[in-house]
Amino acid sequence: MAQITFDDLLSIGAHFGHVVRKWNPNFQPYVLMEKNGVHIINLEETLKNIERATQFITEVISRNGEILFVGTKKQAKDIIQQEADRCGMFYVVERWLGGTLTNFSTIKKSIKRLQLLEKEGSSIYENLTKKELQMLNRERIKLSDQHRGIKDMRRLPDAVVIVDAFFESIAIKEANLLEIPVIAMVDSNTDPRKIDYPIPANDDSIRTIQLIISALADAVIEARAKDDSLDDIKLDSEQSDTKEDEPEIKKEESSEEMDKKTVAEELTVDTKELEIPIKKTAKKKSIKAKTTEETDSKKKKVKRSKAGKKKPTAIEEEDN
């Protein structure tokens, strides 16, 4: 963000206040002198308050807060819309609707109505006459103008930035009732005590409005960029931590594998030791089986031999 200097404010006429007869006595701390019936604003105080406002905006954005830019006067409309769109925040550039903050539930209902009217092929347009369609189109245009910058706002803002606090007194009252911090450009005809972060400057100069509002929008953009960079750093650190944990896990797995191998070796040793007596018993069984077979074969031979000897005796008896 390009810092605003004293010469920048001086060259665009930010030091010119209102006529003396229109001034507010509570504005005295920001008045440098009186010249040709016009109050001259102390630009050093302006620079200090701009720094305070930018620091507060960075704090709000770091907490994922939302900011509402308000400027309904002719000099501020286009600037507020451009800068709010540039930094991705909400804005009000048409007439400030009473209850935009204090009666936000009703505003949400009208926003839902607008979304229903803008939806293509909606059932609301079925079986209507030409006059009724024209009435719905007028209602859609009116609501779109009123809620152009807050159509996507789901909750109350965390801060409000206002151009010309005197002109937007209703918005300031609503913000004060809800204890929403207010950052506002203050001229010599307004009371700065109602504003949390007043910025004393000429709020009728287009160039002054452009310079200050663009500085606040730059603060929003920088704060978001810092948050994104911090998120990236956190992700990188988490990924590096996971990578560092991987070798430790591998070491643990390798140690577990070694333990398994040792257990398996011990088991193989035990099985080898067990195989010896098993083999011995198997040999004994085979020897017993062989001996039994031999004895059986001998018994059979003996029987056969006995049978062979008996046969000739029987034959001899028959011959006799």
Protein backbone atom coordinates (compact mmCIF):
# COMPACT_ATOMS: atom_id res chain seq x y z
CA MET A 1 0.00 0.00 0.00
CA ALA A 2 1.38 3.42 -1.00
CA GLN A 3 1.45 5.54 2.14
CA ILE A 4 -0.32 8.88 2.03
CA THR A 5 1.97 11.83 2.64
CA PHE A 6 1.35 15.34 3.89
CA ASP A 7 2.02 16.77 0.42
CA ASP A 8 -0.54 14.44 -1.15
CA LEU A 9 -3.27 15.71 1.16
CA LEU A 10 -2.20 19.31 0.74
CA SER A 11 -2.16 19.14 -3.07
CA ILE A 12 -5.75 17.85 -3.31
CA GLY A 13 -7.18 20.38 -0.85
CA ALA A 14 -7.98 17.99 1.98
CA HIS A 15 -7.27 20.75 4.52
CA PHE A 16 -10.22 22.97 3.58
CA GLY A 17 -13.10 22.84 6.06
CA HIS A 18 -16.50 24.51 6.07
CA VAL A 19 -17.36 28.13 6.70
CA VAL A 20 -16.74 29.24 10.28
CA ARG A 21 -20.41 29.83 11.03
CA LYS A 22 -21.25 26.19 10.18
CA TRP A 23 -18.60 24.54 12.32
CA ASN A 24 -19.20 22.16 15.21
CA PRO A 25 -17.35 23.16 18.43
CA ASN A 26 -16.47 19.50 19.10
CA PHE A 27 -14.31 19.59 15.98
CA GLN A 28 -11.88 21.98 17.68
CA PRO A 29 -9.01 19.42 18.21
CA TYR A 30 -8.68 18.98 14.45
CA VAL A 31 -8.71 22.69 13.50
CA LEU A 32 -5.34 24.22 12.70
CA MET A 33 -6.39 27.81 12.00
CA GLU A 34 -9.01 30.05 10.46
CA LYS A 35 -8.37 31.75 7.13
CA ASN A 36 -10.73 33.91 5.08
CA GLY A 37 -13.71 32.77 7.09
CA VAL A 38 -12.92 29.05 6.51
CA HIS A 39 -11.48 26.57 8.98
CA ILE A 40 -8.21 24.88 8.01
CA ILE A 41 -7.93 21.24 9.07
CA ASN A 42 -4.73 19.97 10.67
CA LEU A 43 -3.42 17.42 8.16
CA GLU A 44 -1.04 15.86 10.69
CA GLU A 45 -4.06 14.70 12.66
CA THR A 46 -5.52 13.42 9.39
CA LEU A 47 -2.45 11.26 8.73
CA LYS A 48 -2.47 9.86 12.27
CA ASN A 49 -6.14 8.93 12.05
CA ILE A 50 -5.71 7.31 8.64
CA GLU A 51 -2.99 5.08 10.12
CA ARG A 52 -5.24 4.16 13.05
CA ALA A 53 -8.10 3.33 10.68
CA THR A 54 -5.92 1.15 8.44
CA GLN A 55 -4.56 -0.76 11.44
CA PHE A 56 -8.09 -1.39 12.67
CA ILE A 57 -9.16 -2.61 9.22
CA THR A 58 -6.26 -5.09 9.10
CA GLU A 59 -7.33 -6.42 12.50
CA VAL A 60 -10.93 -6.83 11.32
CA ILE A 61 -9.89 -8.64 8.13
CA SER A 62 -7.49 -10.90 10.06
CA ARG A 63 -10.52 -12.07 12.07
CA ASN A 64 -12.38 -12.84 8.80
CA GLY A 65 -14.55 -9.77 9.32
CA GLU A 66 -16.63 -7.89 6.78
CA ILE A 67 -16.76 -4.15 6.11
CA LEU A 68 -19.63 -2.06 4.76
CA PHE A 69 -18.76 1.04 2.70
CA VAL A 70 -21.40 3.76 2.75
CA GLY A 71 -21.51 6.87 0.56
CA THR A 72 -24.78 8.11 -0.90
CA LYS A 73 -23.78 11.66 -1.84
CA LYS A 74 -23.04 12.46 -5.47
CA GLN A 75 -19.31 12.97 -4.99
CA ALA A 76 -18.87 9.59 -3.28
CA LYS A 77 -21.21 7.19 -5.11
CA ASP A 78 -18.95 6.03 -7.91
CA ILE A 79 -15.82 6.00 -5.76
CA ILE A 80 -17.43 3.89 -3.03
CA GLN A 81 -18.76 1.37 -5.54
CA GLN A 82 -15.44 1.02 -7.39
CA GLU A 83 -13.28 0.67 -4.28
CA ALA A 84 -15.70 -1.72 -2.53
CA ASP A 85 -15.80 -3.92 -5.63
CA ARG A 86 -12.00 -3.80 -5.86
CA CYS A 87 -11.51 -5.05 -2.30
CA GLY A 88 -14.52 -7.40 -2.38
CA MET A 89 -16.61 -5.75 0.33
CA PHE A 90 -20.23 -4.59 0.59
CA TYR A 91 -21.45 -1.07 -0.13
CA VAL A 92 -24.48 1.22 -0.07
CA VAL A 93 -24.54 4.00 -2.67
CA GLU A 94 -28.26 4.58 -3.03
CA ARG A 95 -30.55 5.96 -0.35
CA TRP A 96 -29.82 4.57 3.10
CA LEU A 97 -32.87 2.53 4.08
CA GLY A 98 -33.86 3.04 7.69
CA GLY A 99 -33.23 -0.19 9.57
CA THR A 100 -30.58 -1.56 7.23
CA LEU A 101 -28.57 -2.54 10.32
CA THR A 102 -31.06 -2.43 13.21
CA ASN A 103 -33.79 -4.25 11.26
CA PHE A 104 -31.57 -6.51 9.20
CA SER A 105 -34.05 -9.41 9.28
CA THR A 106 -36.53 -7.38 7.21
CA ILE A 107 -33.77 -6.39 4.80
CA LYS A 108 -32.95 -10.08 4.34
CA LYS A 109 -36.58 -10.78 3.45
CA SER A 110 -36.56 -8.10 0.77
CA ILE A 111 -33.28 -9.53 -0.56
CA LYS A 112 -34.93 -12.96 -0.83
CA ARG A 113 -37.81 -11.31 -2.69
CA LEU A 114 -35.31 -9.74 -5.09
CA GLN A 115 -33.60 -13.10 -5.70
CA LEU A 116 -37.00 -14.66 -6.43
CA LEU A 117 -37.82 -11.92 -8.94
CA GLU A 118 -34.43 -12.24 -10.62
CA LYS A 119 -34.69 -16.01 -10.96
CA GLU A 120 -35.38 -17.07 -14.54
CA GLY A 121 -38.38 -19.29 -15.08
CA SER A 122 -39.77 -18.52 -11.64
CA SER A 123 -43.30 -19.67 -10.88
CA ILE A 124 -44.20 -16.12 -9.79
CA TYR A 125 -44.41 -15.04 -13.45
CA GLU A 126 -46.90 -17.74 -14.46
CA ASN A 127 -50.46 -16.86 -15.50
CA LEU A 128 -50.02 -13.08 -15.08
CA THR A 129 -51.39 -10.25 -17.16
CA LYS A 130 -49.21 -7.74 -18.92
CA LYS A 131 -49.87 -5.08 -16.29
CA GLU A 132 -48.94 -7.44 -13.45
CA LEU A 133 -45.69 -8.35 -15.20
CA GLN A 134 -44.82 -4.65 -15.53
CA MET A 135 -45.45 -4.12 -11.83
CA LEU A 136 -43.16 -7.03 -10.93
CA ASN A 137 -40.44 -5.67 -13.22
CA ARG A 138 -40.67 -2.25 -11.55
CA GLU A 139 -40.42 -3.90 -8.13
CA ARG A 140 -37.37 -5.88 -9.27
CA ILE A 141 -35.60 -2.77 -10.57
CA LYS A 142 -36.34 -0.85 -7.38
CA LEU A 143 -35.09 -3.63 -5.10
CA SER A 144 -31.99 -4.21 -7.21
CA ASP A 145 -31.07 -0.52 -6.92
CA GLN A 146 -31.64 -0.46 -3.17
CA HIS A 147 -29.81 -3.71 -2.38
CA ARG A 148 -27.22 -3.62 -5.13
CA GLY A 149 -24.19 -3.73 -2.85
CA ILE A 150 -25.59 -5.78 0.05
CA LYS A 151 -27.37 -8.52 -1.90
CA ASP A 152 -24.82 -11.13 -0.76
CA MET A 153 -24.43 -9.86 2.81
CA ARG A 154 -25.53 -12.72 5.11
CA ARG A 155 -24.83 -11.05 8.46
CA LEU A 156 -24.15 -7.68 10.03
CA PRO A 157 -20.79 -6.11 9.14
CA ASP A 158 -17.91 -5.91 11.61
CA ALA A 159 -17.14 -2.30 10.67
CA VAL A 160 -18.67 0.53 8.65
CA VAL A 161 -16.74 3.02 6.49
CA ILE A 162 -18.68 6.24 5.83
CA VAL A 163 -18.06 9.27 3.66
CA ASP A 164 -19.50 12.48 5.17
CA ALA A 165 -20.64 11.58 8.69
CA PHE A 166 -22.98 14.59 8.73
CA PHE A 167 -24.86 13.37 5.64
CA GLU A 168 -25.02 9.72 6.83
CA SER A 169 -26.14 10.45 10.39
CA ILE A 170 -28.82 7.70 10.34
CA ALA A 171 -26.27 5.02 9.42
CA ILE A 172 -24.01 6.19 12.27
CA LYS A 173 -26.88 6.06 14.77
CA GLU A 174 -27.75 2.50 13.77
CA ALA A 175 -24.12 1.40 13.99
CA ASN A 176 -23.78 2.99 17.43
CA LEU A 177 -26.92 1.22 18.66
CA LEU A 178 -25.49 -2.14 17.55
CA GLU A 179 -21.97 -1.22 18.78
CA ILE A 180 -20.48 -1.61 15.31
CA PRO A 181 -17.22 0.39 14.93
CA VAL A 182 -17.47 3.33 12.53
CA ILE A 183 -14.70 4.78 10.34
CA ALA A 184 -15.83 8.06 8.80
CA MET A 185 -14.52 11.10 7.00
CA VAL A 186 -15.35 14.08 9.23
CA ASP A 187 -15.55 17.72 8.14
CA SER A 188 -15.66 20.77 10.38
CA ASN A 189 -19.49 20.75 10.49
CA THR A 190 -19.81 17.32 12.21
CA ASP A 191 -19.37 15.97 15.71
CA PRO A 192 -16.43 13.48 15.73
CA ARG A 193 -17.32 12.10 19.18
CA LYS A 194 -19.97 9.78 17.69
CA ILE A 195 -17.37 8.09 15.50
CA ASP A 196 -14.85 5.49 16.67
CA TYR A 197 -12.20 6.27 14.02
CA PRO A 198 -12.74 9.78 12.64
CA ILE A 199 -10.66 10.98 9.68
CA PRO A 200 -10.73 14.81 9.55
CA ALA A 201 -10.68 15.88 5.90
CA ASN A 202 -12.61 17.76 3.24
CA ASP A 203 -15.47 15.35 2.48
CA ASP A 204 -16.75 17.47 -0.44
CA SER A 205 -13.63 17.02 -2.57
CA ILE A 206 -13.77 14.10 -5.00
CA ARG A 207 -9.99 13.72 -5.05
CA THR A 208 -9.82 13.65 -1.25
CA ILE A 209 -12.52 10.99 -1.07
CA GLN A 210 -10.73 8.97 -3.76
CA LEU A 211 -7.38 9.11 -1.96
CA ILE A 212 -8.65 8.16 1.51
CA ILE A 213 -11.13 5.47 0.45
CA SER A 214 -8.56 3.87 -1.88
CA ALA A 215 -6.08 3.77 1.03
CA LEU A 216 -8.64 1.94 3.19
CA ALA A 217 -9.45 -0.47 0.35
CA ASP A 218 -5.72 -1.16 -0.10
CA ALA A 219 -5.52 -2.00 3.60
CA VAL A 220 -8.29 -4.58 3.12
CA ILE A 221 -6.52 -6.14 0.14
CA GLU A 222 -3.15 -6.29 1.93
CA ALA A 223 -4.70 -7.85 5.04
CA ARG A 224 -6.34 -10.54 2.90
CA ALA A 225 -3.09 -11.22 1.06
CA LYS A 226 -1.27 -11.65 4.40
CA ASP A 227 -3.91 -14.08 5.62
CA ASP A 228 -3.63 -16.09 2.40
CA SER A 229 0.17 -16.20 2.69
CA LEU A 230 -0.08 -17.33 6.32
CA ASP A 231 -2.48 -20.08 5.31
CA ASP A 232 -0.05 -21.22 2.62
CA ILE A 233 2.82 -21.24 5.14
CA LYS A 234 0.73 -23.31 7.57
CA LEU A 235 -0.10 -25.81 4.83
CA ASP A 236 3.57 -26.08 3.84
CA SER A 237 4.62 -26.59 7.48
CA GLU A 238 1.96 -29.28 7.94
CA GLN A 239 3.14 -31.04 4.80
CA SER A 240 6.78 -30.87 5.96
CA ASP A 241 5.77 -32.27 9.37
CA THR A 242 4.04 -35.18 7.69
CA LYS A 243 7.15 -35.79 5.57
CA GLU A 244 9.33 -35.76 8.70
CA ASP A 245 7.00 -38.20 10.41
CA GLU A 246 7.17 -40.64 7.49
CA PRO A 247 10.80 -41.78 8.13
CA GLU A 248 10.00 -42.27 11.81
CA ILE A 249 7.04 -44.43 10.83
CA LYS A 250 9.26 -46.33 8.42
CA LYS A 251 11.81 -46.85 11.20
CA GLU A 252 9.10 -48.17 13.48
CA GLU A 253 7.85 -50.47 10.74
CA SER A 254 11.39 -51.73 10.05
CA SER A 255 11.91 -52.38 13.76
CA GLU A 256 8.64 -54.29 13.85
CA GLU A 257 9.74 -56.30 10.82
CA MET A 258 13.06 -57.13 12.52
CA ASP A 259 11.20 -58.30 15.60
CA LYS A 260 8.99 -60.48 13.42
CA LYS A 261 12.07 -61.94 11.68
CA THR A 262 13.73 -62.78 15.00
CA VAL A 263 10.55 -64.43 16.23
CA ALA A 264 10.31 -66.39 12.99
CA GLU A 265 13.95 -67.52 13.31
CA GLU A 266 13.33 -68.65 16.87
CA LEU A 267 10.30 -70.56 15.73
CA THR A 268 12.30 -72.21 12.92
CA VAL A 269 14.99 -73.22 15.42
CA ASP A 270 12.40 -74.70 17.72
CA THR A 271 10.81 -76.60 14.85
CA LYS A 272 14.24 -77.94 13.81
CA GLU A 273 14.83 -79.13 17.34
CA LEU A 274 11.41 -80.73 17.36
CA GLU A 275 12.02 -82.43 14.00
CA ILE A 276 14.82 -84.63 15.42
CA PRO A 277 12.70 -86.61 17.88
CA ILE A 278 9.90 -86.71 15.33
CA LYS A 279 12.24 -88.29 12.79
CA LYS A 280 13.46 -90.79 15.42
CA THR A 281 9.93 -91.83 16.26
CA ALA A 282 9.18 -92.16 12.55
CA LYS A 283 12.23 -94.44 12.11
CA LYS A 284 11.15 -96.58 15.07
CA LYS A 285 7.70 -96.91 13.60
CA SER A 286 9.13 -97.90 10.22
CA ILE A 287 11.44 -100.52 11.88
CA LYS A 288 8.50 -101.95 13.86
CA ALA A 289 6.45 -102.14 10.71
CA LYS A 290 9.28 -103.95 8.90
CA THR A 291 9.74 -106.44 11.75
CA THR A 292 6.04 -107.14 11.90
CA GLU A 293 5.97 -107.69 8.13
CA GLU A 294 8.95 -110.08 8.34
CA THR A 295 7.36 -112.06 11.14
CA ASP A 296 4.12 -112.30 9.25
CA SER A 297 5.88 -113.51 6.12
CA LYS A 298 7.82 -116.14 8.18
CA LYS A 299 4.60 -117.40 9.77
CA LYS A 300 3.01 -117.75 6.35
CA LYS A 301 6.01 -119.70 5.02
CA VAL A 302 5.87 -121.99 8.03
CA LYS A 303 2.19 -122.67 7.49
CA ARG A 304 2.76 -123.35 3.81
CA SER A 305 5.58 -125.72 4.60
CA LYS A 306 3.43 -127.58 7.11
CA ALA A 307 0.63 -127.83 4.63
CA GLY A 308 3.04 -129.19 2.02
CA LYS A 309 4.29 -131.86 4.38
CA LYS A 310 0.79 -133.04 5.30
CA LYS A 311 -0.38 -133.50 1.69
CA PRO A 312 1.93 -136.45 0.76
CA THR A 313 0.95 -138.39 3.97
CA ALA A 314 -2.65 -138.22 2.91
CA ILE A 315 -1.79 -139.44 -0.56
CA GLU A 316 0.21 -142.41 0.85
CA GLU A 317 -2.72 -143.49 2.92
CA GLU A 318 -4.96 -143.50 -0.09
CA ASP A 319 -2.49 -145.68 -2.03
CA ASN A 320 -2.38 -148.24 0.75
